[in-house]
């Protein structure tokens, strides 16, 4: 059975309803045609030029990304700067770009739950619940430990499990018995977690002044690469998409693209004076 972009949008609406999107979150088809036939699907965190080129190499014409290509009203679109370069390439090569952002953050199996599962942890409830569609929806997840662990040891375990760098705000010897997890830029959840008597949050993109406030107030952050933190939801999305395609009698390929992080960590080690 031939499927179109409209069918993929219908699938996304069913598994992660658009009503969950944050205000002004630009989800949906951003480049392409709803009538385009589906030859293959690429799942990625970011709709980058490298992701687009990889899709073409693999013979895929649909890209479903977590992050939108266009966040704000576009004032200029040229092939010399992002995001125009991606849009130009996509149109030229017949790619269809779909973004499905905050709905994937808020479903029970979404970004934060997938990150928790990667860490071998079982989420108990959302940090910030969204009850419009029932129980289990919302931003972030809460985890409780049967036995407390030192913050420094937890940071090392997170780095090992996600295979990426981790930054820490807080006393490494602080005992942690509960943890908030929110893939993406979620430092704003700090105040809400305090009200829940949770003093540690695993997230990304924590600003300096927020980190200083946390340090002064005894709140802990474990900070991970944004793209890495959100990548673990892609296999879960692929599984559901495969089920959808199977029911429709379609066998088009689905490929997950792993984006290279823009961050490069450099650790300078000062040699001790021999004499």
Foldseek 3Di string as FASTA:
>chain_A
DWAFLLLVVVLCCVQQNPVQDDPLQDFFWDAADRGHTWQAEEEAQDLDPVSVVVCVVVVGAEYEHQHDQDRDDDPDADCPDGPNVSRVSSVVSNHIYGYHYRSQQWAQCHLQCLLCVLLVFHFDAALAADDPPHGRTDHWTKTFAPFWDFQLVVLVSSCVSLVFHKDKQADRRDTAGMETEGQEPDLVSQVSVVVVVHQEYEYEDDDPVSSVVSNVVRHMYIYTQNRSSRLSRVVVVVVSVVVSCVVVVHDRYYHYDRDDGPDDDDDDDDDDDPD
